[in-house]
PDB file of all heavy atoms in Angstrom:
ATOM      1  N   PHE A   1     115.295 111.585  81.757  1.00  0.00           N
ATOM      2  CA  PHE A   1     115.299 111.029  80.411  1.00  0.00           C
ATOM      3  C   PHE A   1     114.571 109.689  80.351  1.00  0.00           C
ATOM      4  O   PHE A   1     113.962 109.351  79.338  1.00  0.00           O
ATOM      5  CB  PHE A   1     116.726 110.875  79.891  1.00  0.00           C
ATOM      6  CG  PHE A   1     117.435 112.192  79.693  1.00  0.00           C
ATOM      7  CD1 PHE A   1     118.796 112.275  79.855  1.00  0.00           C
ATOM      8  CD2 PHE A   1     116.758 113.340  79.336  1.00  0.00           C
ATOM      9  CE1 PHE A   1     119.474 113.470  79.661  1.00  0.00           C
ATOM     10  CE2 PHE A   1     117.409 114.543  79.138  1.00  0.00           C
ATOM     11  CZ  PHE A   1     118.772 114.615  79.306  1.00  0.00           C
ATOM     12  N   TYR A   2     114.636 108.926  81.422  1.00  0.00           N
ATOM     13  CA  TYR A   2     113.929 107.651  81.457  1.00  0.00           C
ATOM     14  C   TYR A   2     112.420 107.889  81.410  1.00  0.00           C
ATOM     15  O   TYR A   2     111.695 107.199  80.703  1.00  0.00           O
ATOM     16  CB  TYR A   2     114.302 106.854  82.708  1.00  0.00           C
ATOM     17  CG  TYR A   2     115.747 106.435  82.724  1.00  0.00           C
ATOM     18  CD1 TYR A   2     116.703 107.136  83.443  1.00  0.00           C
ATOM     19  CD2 TYR A   2     116.168 105.326  81.998  1.00  0.00           C
ATOM     20  CE1 TYR A   2     118.030 106.752  83.454  1.00  0.00           C
ATOM     21  CE2 TYR A   2     117.502 104.922  81.992  1.00  0.00           C
ATOM     22  CZ  TYR A   2     118.421 105.652  82.728  1.00  0.00           C
ATOM     23  OH  TYR A   2     119.746 105.266  82.725  1.00  0.00           O
ATOM     24  N   LYS A   3     111.967 108.884  82.153  1.00  0.00           N
ATOM     25  CA  LYS A   3     110.541 109.221  82.170  1.00  0.00           C
ATOM     26  C   LYS A   3     110.111 109.753  80.801  1.00  0.00           C
ATOM     27  O   LYS A   3     109.024 109.429  80.328  1.00  0.00           O
ATOM     28  CB  LYS A   3     110.273 110.261  83.252  1.00  0.00           C
ATOM     29  CG  LYS A   3     108.818 110.593  83.435  1.00  0.00           C
ATOM     30  CD  LYS A   3     108.611 111.570  84.567  1.00  0.00           C
ATOM     31  CE  LYS A   3     107.154 111.949  84.672  1.00  0.00           C
ATOM     32  NZ  LYS A   3     106.950 112.981  85.700  1.00  0.00           N
ATOM     33  N   ASP A   4     110.955 110.572  80.168  1.00  0.00           N
ATOM     34  CA  ASP A   4     110.636 111.099  78.841  1.00  0.00           C
ATOM     35  C   ASP A   4     110.371 109.977  77.849  1.00  0.00           C
ATOM     36  O   ASP A   4     109.504 110.093  76.981  1.00  0.00           O
ATOM     37  CB  ASP A   4     111.768 111.981  78.299  1.00  0.00           C
ATOM     38  CG  ASP A   4     111.838 113.341  78.975  1.00  0.00           C
ATOM     39  OD1 ASP A   4     110.909 113.702  79.721  1.00  0.00           O
ATOM     40  OD2 ASP A   4     112.846 114.047  78.741  1.00  0.00           O
ATOM     41  N   LEU A   5     111.124 108.884  77.970  1.00  0.00           N
ATOM     42  CA  LEU A   5     110.958 107.751  77.063  1.00  0.00           C
ATOM     43  C   LEU A   5     109.973 106.705  77.586  1.00  0.00           C
ATOM     44  O   LEU A   5     109.595 105.786  76.865  1.00  0.00           O
ATOM     45  CB  LEU A   5     112.309 107.077  76.801  1.00  0.00           C
ATOM     46  CG  LEU A   5     113.296 107.890  75.978  1.00  0.00           C
ATOM     47  CD1 LEU A   5     114.646 107.184  75.920  1.00  0.00           C
ATOM     48  CD2 LEU A   5     112.773 108.119  74.575  1.00  0.00           C
ATOM     49  N   GLY A   6     109.585 106.831  78.858  1.00  0.00           N
ATOM     50  CA  GLY A   6     108.641 105.883  79.441  1.00  0.00           C
ATOM     51  C   GLY A   6     109.239 104.513  79.694  1.00  0.00           C
ATOM     52  O   GLY A   6     108.561 103.497  79.559  1.00  0.00           O
ATOM     53  N   VAL A   7     110.524 104.496  80.059  1.00  0.00           N
ATOM     54  CA  VAL A   7     111.207 103.230  80.345  1.00  0.00           C
ATOM     55  C   VAL A   7     111.787 103.273  81.761  1.00  0.00           C
ATOM     56  O   VAL A   7     112.073 104.349  82.282  1.00  0.00           O
ATOM     57  CB  VAL A   7     112.347 102.936  79.332  1.00  0.00           C
ATOM     58  CG1 VAL A   7     111.782 102.752  77.940  1.00  0.00           C
ATOM     59  CG2 VAL A   7     113.399 104.013  79.341  1.00  0.00           C
ATOM     60  N   PRO A   8     111.982 102.102  82.385  1.00  0.00           N
ATOM     61  CA  PRO A   8     112.608 102.086  83.713  1.00  0.00           C
ATOM     62  C   PRO A   8     114.112 102.319  83.605  1.00  0.00           C
ATOM     63  O   PRO A   8     114.705 102.162  82.537  1.00  0.00           O
ATOM     64  CB  PRO A   8     112.302 100.680  84.225  1.00  0.00           C
ATOM     65  CG  PRO A   8     112.163  99.855  82.992  1.00  0.00           C
ATOM     66  CD  PRO A   8     111.573 100.769  81.947  1.00  0.00           C
ATOM     67  N   ARG A   9     114.730 102.662  84.707  1.00  0.00           N
ATOM     68  CA  ARG A   9     116.186 102.889  84.733  1.00  0.00           C
ATOM     69  C   ARG A   9     116.969 101.621  84.378  1.00  0.00           C
ATOM     70  O   ARG A   9     118.115 101.702  83.981  1.00  0.00           O
ATOM     71  CB  ARG A   9     116.634 103.386  86.109  1.00  0.00           C
ATOM     72  CG  ARG A   9     116.221 104.809  86.360  1.00  0.00           C
ATOM     73  CD  ARG A   9     116.926 105.384  87.578  1.00  0.00           C
ATOM     74  NE  ARG A   9     116.682 106.805  87.667  1.00  0.00           N
ATOM     75  CZ  ARG A   9     117.399 107.733  87.053  1.00  0.00           C
ATOM     76  NH1 ARG A   9     118.412 107.391  86.322  1.00  0.00           N
ATOM     77  NH2 ARG A   9     117.103 109.005  87.188  1.00  0.00           N
ATOM     78  N   THR A  10     116.333 100.492  84.499  1.00  0.00           N
ATOM     79  CA  THR A  10     116.991  99.223  84.198  1.00  0.00           C
ATOM     80  C   THR A  10     116.788  98.791  82.743  1.00  0.00           C
ATOM     81  O   THR A  10     117.165  97.682  82.369  1.00  0.00           O
ATOM     82  CB  THR A  10     116.452  98.112  85.123  1.00  0.00           C
ATOM     83  OG1 THR A  10     115.033  98.039  84.944  1.00  0.00           O
ATOM     84  CG2 THR A  10     116.797  98.387  86.578  1.00  0.00           C
ATOM     85  N   ALA A  11     116.213  99.666  81.932  1.00  0.00           N
ATOM     86  CA  ALA A  11     115.885  99.330  80.540  1.00  0.00           C
ATOM     87  C   ALA A  11     117.139  98.971  79.748  1.00  0.00           C
ATOM     88  O   ALA A  11     118.199  99.577  79.926  1.00  0.00           O
ATOM     89  CB  ALA A  11     115.174 100.491  79.869  1.00  0.00           C
ATOM     90  N   THR A  12     116.989  97.997  78.885  1.00  0.00           N
ATOM     91  CA  THR A  12     118.087  97.602  78.005  1.00  0.00           C
ATOM     92  C   THR A  12     118.153  98.550  76.817  1.00  0.00           C
ATOM     93  O   THR A  12     117.225  99.331  76.572  1.00  0.00           O
ATOM     94  CB  THR A  12     117.875  96.172  77.481  1.00  0.00           C
ATOM     95  OG1 THR A  12     116.700  96.162  76.662  1.00  0.00           O
ATOM     96  CG2 THR A  12     117.756  95.169  78.608  1.00  0.00           C
ATOM     97  N   GLU A  13     119.239  98.446  76.066  1.00  0.00           N
ATOM     98  CA  GLU A  13     119.402  99.282  74.880  1.00  0.00           C
ATOM     99  C   GLU A  13     118.264  99.051  73.890  1.00  0.00           C
ATOM    100  O   GLU A  13     117.740 100.004  73.309  1.00  0.00           O
ATOM    101  CB  GLU A  13     120.751  98.976  74.224  1.00  0.00           C
ATOM    102  CG  GLU A  13     121.077  99.898  73.077  1.00  0.00           C
ATOM    103  CD  GLU A  13     122.453  99.624  72.499  1.00  0.00           C
ATOM    104  OE1 GLU A  13     123.406  99.450  73.279  1.00  0.00           O
ATOM    105  OE2 GLU A  13     122.559  99.601  71.258  1.00  0.00           O
ATOM    106  N   SER A  14     117.861  97.823  73.705  1.00  0.00           N
ATOM    107  CA  SER A  14     116.784  97.532  72.753  1.00  0.00           C
ATOM    108  C   SER A  14     115.445  98.085  73.233  1.00  0.00           C
ATOM    109  O   SER A  14     114.635  98.556  72.424  1.00  0.00           O
ATOM    110  CB  SER A  14     116.687  96.034  72.462  1.00  0.00           C
ATOM    111  OG  SER A  14     116.343  95.321  73.612  1.00  0.00           O
ATOM    112  N   GLU A  15     115.190  98.070  74.537  1.00  0.00           N
ATOM    113  CA  GLU A  15     113.953  98.648  75.082  1.00  0.00           C
ATOM    114  C   GLU A  15     113.937 100.163  74.884  1.00  0.00           C
ATOM    115  O   GLU A  15     112.895 100.736  74.548  1.00  0.00           O
ATOM    116  CB  GLU A  15     113.812  98.317  76.563  1.00  0.00           C
ATOM    117  CG  GLU A  15     113.534  96.861  76.851  1.00  0.00           C
ATOM    118  CD  GLU A  15     113.609  96.522  78.332  1.00  0.00           C
ATOM    119  OE1 GLU A  15     114.451  97.100  79.057  1.00  0.00           O
ATOM    120  OE2 GLU A  15     112.821  95.658  78.752  1.00  0.00           O
ATOM    121  N   ILE A  16     115.086 100.799  75.088  1.00  0.00           N
ATOM    122  CA  ILE A  16     115.186 102.247  74.899  1.00  0.00           C
ATOM    123  C   ILE A  16     114.989 102.594  73.432  1.00  0.00           C
ATOM    124  O   ILE A  16     114.240 103.516  73.085  1.00  0.00           O
ATOM    125  CB  ILE A  16     116.547 102.766  75.414  1.00  0.00           C
ATOM    126  CG1 ILE A  16     116.618 102.625  76.937  1.00  0.00           C
ATOM    127  CG2 ILE A  16     116.776 104.216  74.983  1.00  0.00           C
ATOM    128  CD1 ILE A  16     117.997 102.838  77.519  1.00  0.00           C
ATOM    129  N   ARG A  17     115.625 101.842  72.566  1.00  0.00           N
ATOM    130  CA  ARG A  17     115.508 102.075  71.123  1.00  0.00           C
ATOM    131  C   ARG A  17     114.054 101.915  70.658  1.00  0.00           C
ATOM    132  O   ARG A  17     113.531 102.714  69.880  1.00  0.00           O
ATOM    133  CB  ARG A  17     116.422 101.118  70.373  1.00  0.00           C
ATOM    134  CG  ARG A  17     116.734 101.514  68.965  1.00  0.00           C
ATOM    135  CD  ARG A  17     117.770 100.601  68.327  1.00  0.00           C
ATOM    136  NE  ARG A  17     119.030 100.494  69.053  1.00  0.00           N
ATOM    137  CZ  ARG A  17     120.014 101.382  69.008  1.00  0.00           C
ATOM    138  NH1 ARG A  17     119.883 102.440  68.276  1.00  0.00           N
ATOM    139  NH2 ARG A  17     121.119 101.193  69.696  1.00  0.00           N
ATOM    140  N   LYS A  18     113.376 100.885  71.155  1.00  0.00           N
ATOM    141  CA  LYS A  18     111.979 100.628  70.784  1.00  0.00           C
ATOM    142  C   LYS A  18     111.071 101.762  71.268  1.00  0.00           C
ATOM    143  O   LYS A  18     110.211 102.246  70.529  1.00  0.00           O
ATOM    144  CB  LYS A  18     111.521  99.294  71.368  1.00  0.00           C
ATOM    145  CG  LYS A  18     110.118  98.916  70.997  1.00  0.00           C
ATOM    146  CD  LYS A  18     109.738  97.567  71.567  1.00  0.00           C
ATOM    147  CE  LYS A  18     108.310  97.221  71.197  1.00  0.00           C
ATOM    148  NZ  LYS A  18     107.914  95.928  71.759  1.00  0.00           N
ATOM    149  N   ALA A  19     111.275 102.197  72.514  1.00  0.00           N
ATOM    150  CA  ALA A  19     110.474 103.289  73.058  1.00  0.00           C
ATOM    151  C   ALA A  19     110.708 104.575  72.266  1.00  0.00           C
ATOM    152  O   ALA A  19     109.758 105.310  71.950  1.00  0.00           O
ATOM    153  CB  ALA A  19     110.812 103.506  74.536  1.00  0.00           C
ATOM    154  N   TYR A  20     111.961 104.834  71.921  1.00  0.00           N
ATOM    155  CA  TYR A  20     112.282 106.030  71.138  1.00  0.00           C
ATOM    156  C   TYR A  20     111.579 105.989  69.785  1.00  0.00           C
ATOM    157  O   TYR A  20     110.968 106.980  69.362  1.00  0.00           O
ATOM    158  CB  TYR A  20     113.790 106.176  70.936  1.00  0.00           C
ATOM    159  CG  TYR A  20     114.113 107.180  69.862  1.00  0.00           C
ATOM    160  CD1 TYR A  20     113.888 108.535  70.066  1.00  0.00           C
ATOM    161  CD2 TYR A  20     114.604 106.770  68.623  1.00  0.00           C
ATOM    162  CE1 TYR A  20     114.149 109.454  69.063  1.00  0.00           C
ATOM    163  CE2 TYR A  20     114.871 107.688  67.623  1.00  0.00           C
ATOM    164  CZ  TYR A  20     114.637 109.031  67.857  1.00  0.00           C
ATOM    165  OH  TYR A  20     114.875 109.941  66.861  1.00  0.00           O
ATOM    166  N   ARG A  21     111.659 104.870  69.093  1.00  0.00           N
ATOM    167  CA  ARG A  21     111.031 104.770  67.763  1.00  0.00           C
ATOM    168  C   ARG A  21     109.534 105.031  67.833  1.00  0.00           C
ATOM    169  O   ARG A  21     108.980 105.744  66.992  1.00  0.00           O
ATOM    170  CB  ARG A  21     111.292 103.394  67.164  1.00  0.00           C
ATOM    171  CG  ARG A  21     112.688 103.229  66.646  1.00  0.00           C
ATOM    172  CD  ARG A  21     112.818 101.932  65.857  1.00  0.00           C
ATOM    173  NE  ARG A  21     114.210 101.619  65.653  1.00  0.00           N
ATOM    174  CZ  ARG A  21     114.795 100.492  66.006  1.00  0.00           C
ATOM    175  NH1 ARG A  21     114.084  99.540  66.576  1.00  0.00           N
ATOM    176  NH2 ARG A  21     116.067 100.289  65.795  1.00  0.00           N
ATOM    177  N   ASN A  22     108.876 104.451  68.824  1.00  0.00           N
ATOM    178  CA  ASN A  22     107.427 104.642  68.962  1.00  0.00           C
ATOM    179  C   ASN A  22     107.077 106.102  69.233  1.00  0.00           C
ATOM    180  O   ASN A  22     106.163 106.654  68.624  1.00  0.00           O
ATOM    181  CB  ASN A  22     106.869 103.759  70.074  1.00  0.00           C
ATOM    182  CG  ASN A  22     106.850 102.296  69.698  1.00  0.00           C
ATOM    183  OD1 ASN A  22     106.796 101.943  68.522  1.00  0.00           O
ATOM    184  ND2 ASN A  22     106.907 101.430  70.693  1.00  0.00           N
ATOM    185  N   LEU A  23     107.802 106.726  70.154  1.00  0.00           N
ATOM    186  CA  LEU A  23     107.509 108.117  70.504  1.00  0.00           C
ATOM    187  C   LEU A  23     107.903 109.074  69.388  1.00  0.00           C
ATOM    188  O   LEU A  23     107.208 110.061  69.137  1.00  0.00           O
ATOM    189  CB  LEU A  23     108.209 108.491  71.813  1.00  0.00           C
ATOM    190  CG  LEU A  23     107.654 107.782  73.051  1.00  0.00           C
ATOM    191  CD1 LEU A  23     108.546 108.041  74.256  1.00  0.00           C
ATOM    192  CD2 LEU A  23     106.236 108.238  73.331  1.00  0.00           C
ATOM    193  N   ALA A  24     109.022 108.801  68.719  1.00  0.00           N
ATOM    194  CA  ALA A  24     109.451 109.664  67.617  1.00  0.00           C
ATOM    195  C   ALA A  24     108.423 109.622  66.491  1.00  0.00           C
ATOM    196  O   ALA A  24     108.114 110.657  65.889  1.00  0.00           O
ATOM    197  CB  ALA A  24     110.828 109.231  67.109  1.00  0.00           C
ATOM    198  N   ARG A  25     107.901 108.456  66.224  1.00  0.00           N
ATOM    199  CA  ARG A  25     106.869 108.321  65.192  1.00  0.00           C
ATOM    200  C   ARG A  25     105.612 109.105  65.601  1.00  0.00           C
ATOM    201  O   ARG A  25     104.999 109.788  64.778  1.00  0.00           O
ATOM    202  CB  ARG A  25     106.533 106.842  65.009  1.00  0.00           C
ATOM    203  CG  ARG A  25     105.763 106.534  63.769  1.00  0.00           C
ATOM    204  CD  ARG A  25     105.569 105.027  63.539  1.00  0.00           C
ATOM    205  NE  ARG A  25     106.808 104.281  63.616  1.00  0.00           N
ATOM    206  CZ  ARG A  25     107.028 103.279  64.480  1.00  0.00           C
ATOM    207  NH1 ARG A  25     106.102 102.904  65.313  1.00  0.00           N
ATOM    208  NH2 ARG A  25     108.185 102.642  64.486  1.00  0.00           N
ATOM    209  N   LYS A  26     105.247 109.023  66.872  1.00  0.00           N
ATOM    210  CA  LYS A  26     104.036 109.685  67.373  1.00  0.00           C
ATOM    211  C   LYS A  26     104.164 111.211  67.341  1.00  0.00           C
ATOM    212  O   LYS A  26     103.214 111.909  66.990  1.00  0.00           O
ATOM    213  CB  LYS A  26     103.766 109.220  68.806  1.00  0.00           C
ATOM    214  CG  LYS A  26     102.558 109.834  69.447  1.00  0.00           C
ATOM    215  CD  LYS A  26     102.354 109.273  70.838  1.00  0.00           C
ATOM    216  CE  LYS A  26     101.149 109.906  71.515  1.00  0.00           C
ATOM    217  NZ  LYS A  26     100.945 109.354  72.856  1.00  0.00           N
ATOM    218  N   TYR A  27     105.331 111.739  67.725  1.00  0.00           N
ATOM    219  CA  TYR A  27     105.501 113.183  67.880  1.00  0.00           C
ATOM    220  C   TYR A  27     106.251 113.858  66.736  1.00  0.00           C
ATOM    221  O   TYR A  27     106.544 115.044  66.815  1.00  0.00           O
ATOM    222  CB  TYR A  27     106.217 113.490  69.198  1.00  0.00           C
ATOM    223  CG  TYR A  27     105.386 113.130  70.400  1.00  0.00           C
ATOM    224  CD1 TYR A  27     105.759 112.083  71.234  1.00  0.00           C
ATOM    225  CD2 TYR A  27     104.220 113.823  70.698  1.00  0.00           C
ATOM    226  CE1 TYR A  27     104.990 111.735  72.335  1.00  0.00           C
ATOM    227  CE2 TYR A  27     103.449 113.487  71.794  1.00  0.00           C
ATOM    228  CZ  TYR A  27     103.840 112.451  72.605  1.00  0.00           C
ATOM    229  OH  TYR A  27     103.078 112.112  73.693  1.00  0.00           O
TER     230      TYR A  27
END
């Protein structure tokens, strides 16, 4: 799941949320 979002395992909640928003918008 970390790779799917392009974030490291140490990612914070805000980093995960930001990555999700960008990818969700793209796809």
